[in-house]
Amino acid sequence: MAVKRKDVNAIVEAIGGKQNLDKATHCVTRLRLVLKNDSEVDKTVLDENLLVKGQFKADHQYQIVIGPGTVDEVYKQFIEETGVEASSKNEKKKQLHKRVIHYNV
């Protein structure tokens, strides 16, 4: 599937814009996002996006299902559009762990 920049931009807008994004990574099928405010996500707009196959929140991450192969290109464009620093899944886990400890102190 060809990834159109307008569809990636629509994802950015639907999550509340780049100002609502803290960190982003991806796995084989999903964008994994740490958002500042999950309530800013427009789930309806995401559901209407041709790239999005599903969405859910788990492990302090907002996950957007894109699909294997396609998610790599979406992630690349997503990083370019948002300017957020790319991070690995392990880096994300460390950050989330620190955040949970900080909130529990």
N, C-alpha and C. Protein backbone atom coordinates (compact mmCIF):
# COMPACT_ATOMS: atom_id res chain seq x y z
N MET A 1 0.83 -1.18 0.00
CA MET A 1 0.00 0.00 0.00
C MET A 1 0.88 1.24 0.00
N ALA A 2 0.59 2.16 -0.90
CA ALA A 2 1.33 3.42 -0.95
C ALA A 2 0.86 4.30 0.20
N VAL A 3 1.82 4.86 0.91
CA VAL A 3 1.50 5.72 2.05
C VAL A 3 1.47 7.17 1.58
N LYS A 4 0.33 7.80 1.72
CA LYS A 4 0.17 9.20 1.33
C LYS A 4 0.43 10.09 2.54
N ARG A 5 1.22 11.12 2.32
CA ARG A 5 1.58 12.04 3.39
C ARG A 5 0.34 12.66 4.03
N LYS A 6 -0.70 12.92 3.24
CA LYS A 6 -1.92 13.53 3.79
C LYS A 6 -2.58 12.60 4.82
N ASP A 7 -2.48 11.28 4.60
CA ASP A 7 -3.05 10.33 5.55
C ASP A 7 -2.24 10.29 6.85
N VAL A 8 -0.92 10.42 6.73
CA VAL A 8 -0.07 10.48 7.92
C VAL A 8 -0.33 11.79 8.67
N ASN A 9 -0.46 12.90 7.94
CA ASN A 9 -0.78 14.18 8.58
C ASN A 9 -2.12 14.11 9.31
N ALA A 10 -3.07 13.39 8.73
CA ALA A 10 -4.38 13.23 9.37
C ALA A 10 -4.26 12.47 10.70
N ILE A 11 -3.35 11.50 10.76
CA ILE A 11 -3.10 10.78 12.01
C ILE A 11 -2.54 11.74 13.06
N VAL A 12 -1.58 12.56 12.64
CA VAL A 12 -0.98 13.54 13.56
C VAL A 12 -2.05 14.47 14.12
N GLU A 13 -2.90 14.97 13.26
CA GLU A 13 -3.97 15.87 13.70
C GLU A 13 -4.96 15.15 14.62
N ALA A 14 -5.27 13.89 14.30
CA ALA A 14 -6.25 13.13 15.08
C ALA A 14 -5.77 12.80 16.48
N ILE A 15 -4.46 12.77 16.69
CA ILE A 15 -3.95 12.48 18.05
C ILE A 15 -3.80 13.75 18.87
N GLY A 16 -4.25 14.87 18.33
CA GLY A 16 -4.16 16.13 19.06
C GLY A 16 -3.00 17.00 18.61
N GLY A 17 -2.40 16.64 17.47
CA GLY A 17 -1.28 17.41 16.94
C GLY A 17 0.04 17.02 17.56
N LYS A 18 1.11 17.51 16.96
CA LYS A 18 2.44 17.14 17.44
C LYS A 18 2.71 17.67 18.85
N GLN A 19 2.00 18.72 19.26
CA GLN A 19 2.18 19.26 20.61
C GLN A 19 1.65 18.30 21.67
N ASN A 20 0.81 17.33 21.28
CA ASN A 20 0.28 16.35 22.23
C ASN A 20 1.13 15.08 22.28
N LEU A 21 2.14 15.00 21.46
CA LEU A 21 2.97 13.81 21.34
C LEU A 21 4.21 13.93 22.22
N ASP A 22 4.43 12.92 23.05
CA ASP A 22 5.62 12.88 23.90
C ASP A 22 6.70 12.02 23.24
N LYS A 23 6.36 10.78 22.91
CA LYS A 23 7.31 9.86 22.28
C LYS A 23 6.56 9.00 21.26
N ALA A 24 7.32 8.48 20.30
CA ALA A 24 6.73 7.59 19.30
C ALA A 24 7.72 6.49 18.95
N THR A 25 7.19 5.31 18.79
CA THR A 25 7.95 4.17 18.29
C THR A 25 6.98 3.31 17.51
N HIS A 26 7.46 2.18 17.03
CA HIS A 26 6.56 1.26 16.35
C HIS A 26 7.05 -0.17 16.51
N CYS A 27 6.12 -1.08 16.29
CA CYS A 27 6.46 -2.50 16.28
C CYS A 27 6.14 -3.01 14.87
N VAL A 28 5.96 -4.27 14.72
CA VAL A 28 5.73 -4.86 13.40
C VAL A 28 4.44 -4.36 12.75
N THR A 29 3.44 -4.06 13.56
CA THR A 29 2.13 -3.69 13.00
C THR A 29 1.57 -2.36 13.47
N ARG A 30 2.13 -1.77 14.56
CA ARG A 30 1.47 -0.61 15.18
C ARG A 30 2.40 0.57 15.42
N LEU A 31 1.83 1.76 15.34
CA LEU A 31 2.47 2.94 15.90
C LEU A 31 2.20 2.88 17.39
N ARG A 32 3.22 3.12 18.21
CA ARG A 32 3.08 3.10 19.66
C ARG A 32 3.44 4.50 20.15
N LEU A 33 2.45 5.20 20.67
CA LEU A 33 2.61 6.60 21.02
C LEU A 33 2.40 6.84 22.51
N VAL A 34 3.26 7.68 23.07
CA VAL A 34 3.04 8.17 24.41
C VAL A 34 2.55 9.60 24.22
N LEU A 35 1.30 9.82 24.63
CA LEU A 35 0.67 11.13 24.44
C LEU A 35 0.62 11.88 25.76
N LYS A 36 0.60 13.18 25.68
CA LYS A 36 0.49 14.00 26.88
C LYS A 36 -0.93 13.96 27.43
N ASN A 37 -1.91 13.86 26.52
CA ASN A 37 -3.31 13.84 26.94
C ASN A 37 -4.10 12.93 25.98
N ASP A 38 -4.40 11.73 26.42
CA ASP A 38 -5.13 10.77 25.58
C ASP A 38 -6.53 11.25 25.21
N SER A 39 -7.11 12.13 26.00
CA SER A 39 -8.46 12.59 25.71
C SER A 39 -8.53 13.49 24.49
N GLU A 40 -7.39 13.94 23.99
CA GLU A 40 -7.38 14.78 22.79
C GLU A 40 -7.47 13.97 21.50
N VAL A 41 -7.41 12.65 21.59
CA VAL A 41 -7.47 11.80 20.40
C VAL A 41 -8.89 11.80 19.83
N ASP A 42 -8.98 12.05 18.54
CA ASP A 42 -10.26 11.98 17.83
C ASP A 42 -10.36 10.59 17.22
N LYS A 43 -10.97 9.68 17.94
CA LYS A 43 -11.05 8.27 17.53
C LYS A 43 -11.84 8.11 16.24
N THR A 44 -12.84 8.93 16.03
CA THR A 44 -13.65 8.85 14.82
C THR A 44 -12.81 9.16 13.58
N VAL A 45 -12.00 10.22 13.67
CA VAL A 45 -11.14 10.59 12.55
C VAL A 45 -10.13 9.48 12.27
N LEU A 46 -9.57 8.89 13.33
CA LEU A 46 -8.64 7.78 13.13
C LEU A 46 -9.33 6.60 12.45
N ASP A 47 -10.55 6.27 12.88
CA ASP A 47 -11.30 5.16 12.28
C ASP A 47 -11.54 5.38 10.79
N GLU A 48 -11.67 6.63 10.38
CA GLU A 48 -11.96 6.95 8.97
C GLU A 48 -10.70 6.98 8.10
N ASN A 49 -9.53 6.96 8.73
CA ASN A 49 -8.27 7.02 7.99
C ASN A 49 -7.99 5.66 7.34
N LEU A 50 -7.70 5.67 6.04
CA LEU A 50 -7.47 4.42 5.30
C LEU A 50 -6.27 3.63 5.80
N LEU A 51 -5.32 4.29 6.44
CA LEU A 51 -4.14 3.60 6.97
C LEU A 51 -4.42 2.86 8.26
N VAL A 52 -5.42 3.29 9.00
CA VAL A 52 -5.68 2.78 10.35
C VAL A 52 -6.61 1.57 10.31
N LYS A 53 -6.11 0.47 10.87
CA LYS A 53 -6.88 -0.78 10.94
C LYS A 53 -7.51 -0.98 12.31
N GLY A 54 -7.07 -0.20 13.30
CA GLY A 54 -7.60 -0.30 14.65
C GLY A 54 -6.81 0.61 15.57
N GLN A 55 -7.30 0.75 16.80
CA GLN A 55 -6.65 1.61 17.79
C GLN A 55 -7.07 1.19 19.18
N PHE A 56 -6.16 1.35 20.12
CA PHE A 56 -6.46 1.03 21.51
C PHE A 56 -5.37 1.61 22.41
N LYS A 57 -5.65 1.65 23.70
CA LYS A 57 -4.66 2.10 24.67
C LYS A 57 -4.25 0.90 25.52
N ALA A 58 -2.94 0.71 25.67
CA ALA A 58 -2.41 -0.38 26.48
C ALA A 58 -1.01 0.01 26.96
N ASP A 59 -0.70 -0.37 28.19
CA ASP A 59 0.64 -0.14 28.75
C ASP A 59 1.06 1.32 28.64
N HIS A 60 0.16 2.25 28.94
CA HIS A 60 0.44 3.69 28.91
C HIS A 60 0.80 4.18 27.50
N GLN A 61 0.40 3.44 26.49
CA GLN A 61 0.66 3.84 25.11
C GLN A 61 -0.66 3.86 24.35
N TYR A 62 -0.77 4.81 23.42
CA TYR A 62 -1.88 4.80 22.49
C TYR A 62 -1.35 4.09 21.25
N GLN A 63 -1.96 2.97 20.91
CA GLN A 63 -1.45 2.16 19.81
C GLN A 63 -2.41 2.23 18.62
N ILE A 64 -1.84 2.51 17.47
CA ILE A 64 -2.61 2.62 16.24
C ILE A 64 -2.15 1.50 15.31
N VAL A 65 -3.06 0.59 15.00
CA VAL A 65 -2.75 -0.56 14.14
C VAL A 65 -2.73 -0.09 12.69
N ILE A 66 -1.60 -0.31 12.04
CA ILE A 66 -1.43 0.05 10.63
C ILE A 66 -1.29 -1.21 9.78
N GLY A 67 -0.46 -2.13 10.23
CA GLY A 67 -0.24 -3.37 9.50
C GLY A 67 1.23 -3.56 9.18
N PRO A 68 1.64 -4.81 8.97
CA PRO A 68 3.05 -5.10 8.68
C PRO A 68 3.50 -4.47 7.38
N GLY A 69 4.74 -4.02 7.37
CA GLY A 69 5.30 -3.40 6.17
C GLY A 69 4.91 -1.94 6.05
N THR A 70 3.65 -1.65 6.02
CA THR A 70 3.16 -0.28 5.86
C THR A 70 3.54 0.58 7.05
N VAL A 71 3.53 0.01 8.25
CA VAL A 71 3.81 0.79 9.46
C VAL A 71 5.22 1.39 9.41
N ASP A 72 6.16 0.74 8.76
CA ASP A 72 7.52 1.28 8.67
C ASP A 72 7.54 2.62 7.94
N GLU A 73 6.84 2.68 6.82
CA GLU A 73 6.79 3.92 6.04
C GLU A 73 5.97 4.98 6.77
N VAL A 74 4.87 4.58 7.38
CA VAL A 74 4.05 5.52 8.15
C VAL A 74 4.89 6.13 9.28
N TYR A 75 5.63 5.28 9.99
CA TYR A 75 6.46 5.76 11.10
C TYR A 75 7.52 6.75 10.60
N LYS A 76 8.14 6.44 9.50
CA LYS A 76 9.17 7.32 8.94
C LYS A 76 8.57 8.71 8.65
N GLN A 77 7.43 8.73 7.98
CA GLN A 77 6.78 10.00 7.66
C GLN A 77 6.25 10.69 8.93
N PHE A 78 5.75 9.91 9.87
CA PHE A 78 5.23 10.43 11.12
C PHE A 78 6.33 11.18 11.88
N ILE A 79 7.51 10.59 11.95
CA ILE A 79 8.66 11.22 12.61
C ILE A 79 9.05 12.51 11.90
N GLU A 80 9.06 12.48 10.56
CA GLU A 80 9.38 13.68 9.78
C GLU A 80 8.36 14.79 10.04
N GLU A 81 7.10 14.45 10.10
CA GLU A 81 6.03 15.43 10.28
C GLU A 81 6.00 16.02 11.69
N THR A 82 6.25 15.20 12.69
CA THR A 82 6.13 15.66 14.08
C THR A 82 7.42 16.24 14.62
N GLY A 83 8.55 15.81 14.07
CA GLY A 83 9.83 16.27 14.58
C GLY A 83 10.23 15.59 15.88
N VAL A 84 9.43 14.62 16.33
CA VAL A 84 9.74 13.90 17.56
C VAL A 84 10.93 12.98 17.30
N GLU A 85 11.75 12.81 18.31
CA GLU A 85 12.92 11.93 18.18
C GLU A 85 12.46 10.48 18.11
N ALA A 86 12.96 9.76 17.15
CA ALA A 86 12.65 8.34 17.03
C ALA A 86 13.23 7.60 18.22
N SER A 87 12.49 6.62 18.73
CA SER A 87 12.99 5.84 19.85
C SER A 87 12.61 4.38 19.66
N SER A 88 13.37 3.52 20.30
CA SER A 88 13.12 2.09 20.20
C SER A 88 12.07 1.67 21.22
N LYS A 89 11.56 0.48 21.06
CA LYS A 89 10.57 -0.06 21.98
C LYS A 89 11.16 -0.17 23.40
N ASN A 90 12.42 -0.57 23.52
CA ASN A 90 13.06 -0.70 24.83
C ASN A 90 13.23 0.66 25.52
N GLU A 91 13.59 1.69 24.74
CA GLU A 91 13.69 3.03 25.31
C GLU A 91 12.34 3.48 25.84
N LYS A 92 11.29 3.18 25.11
CA LYS A 92 9.94 3.55 25.51
C LYS A 92 9.55 2.87 26.82
N LYS A 93 9.89 1.58 26.96
CA LYS A 93 9.57 0.85 28.19
C LYS A 93 10.27 1.48 29.39
N LYS A 94 11.55 1.86 29.22
CA LYS A 94 12.29 2.50 30.31
C LYS A 94 11.64 3.82 30.71
N GLN A 95 11.24 4.62 29.72
CA GLN A 95 10.61 5.90 30.01
C GLN A 95 9.29 5.71 30.74
N LEU A 96 8.48 4.76 30.31
CA LEU A 96 7.20 4.51 30.95
C LEU A 96 7.40 4.03 32.38
N HIS A 97 8.40 3.20 32.59
CA HIS A 97 8.69 2.71 33.93
C HIS A 97 9.05 3.88 34.85
N LYS A 98 9.88 4.79 34.36
CA LYS A 98 10.26 5.96 35.15
C LYS A 98 9.03 6.82 35.45
N ARG A 99 8.15 6.98 34.47
CA ARG A 99 6.95 7.79 34.65
C ARG A 99 6.05 7.19 35.72
N VAL A 100 5.87 5.89 35.71
CA VAL A 100 5.03 5.22 36.70
C VAL A 100 5.62 5.37 38.09
N ILE A 101 6.93 5.21 38.21
CA ILE A 101 7.60 5.37 39.51
C ILE A 101 7.43 6.81 40.00
N HIS A 102 7.60 7.77 39.10
CA HIS A 102 7.48 9.18 39.45
C HIS A 102 6.07 9.48 39.98
N TYR A 103 5.05 8.97 39.32
CA TYR A 103 3.67 9.21 39.75
C TYR A 103 3.35 8.53 41.08
N ASN A 104 4.03 7.46 41.37
CA ASN A 104 3.75 6.72 42.61
C ASN A 104 4.53 7.26 43.81
N VAL A 105 5.43 8.19 43.58
CA VAL A 105 6.24 8.73 44.68
C VAL A 105 5.45 9.75 45.46
